[in-house]
Amino acid sequence: MADPQDKSKSVVCTNIDLPPGVHDFETDDTKTKAPDADPKKRVIYMDDRVVPGSFYVEAVWVVGSIPRSHPEHSHPDHDEIVGFVGSNMDDPNDLGAEIDFVVDGKKMTLTKTCFIHVPAGVRHGGLCFRKIDRPVYQIAMSRRAGHGLLGLREGTRMNSGV
């Protein structure tokens, strides 16, 4: 528990680099490509390795279809929130896309801006950006300090980019 007498310091993070081991699950057709060819445009990434003491959060713009992106998996020790936000300023609820996502064995096709709360231990993924008519802002976050920590040596941290 944090000491109430300790004054926390704010940290501004502009990091777009992924720590080693993050997204190692990606397949050859979804790994990051040359910046102009990649339909995912990373906006920000932060976890405890980037800013000590922070939780995991990352965001990307998806500007084109990705036939297969994220295998089904679960996190036994933490919940995750995954969000998809449309870019139609006249109708922010309109996702401008068709995105498949599986939670607990049930496939859903998302067409509206949403957040999805995935409880600890529940399988999720199968993410497929099937049709993208307008850019979609995707965000994922959890209270876990890092994401994809397996294989990372203790004490390894990334520069916050600030």
Foldseek 3Di string as FASTA:
>chain_A
DDDPVDDDDDDDFFDQDDDPQPPPVWDPQQPDDPCVPHQWAWGGWAFCQAPNPAFTKTKTKGAFWRAFTWDKDFAQPWKKKKWKWADDPVARQARQFWKWKDWQRDIDTDGTTDIDIHGGPIIMGRITRHGHRGIMMMMMTIRHRDDRCPPPDPPRHDHRHD
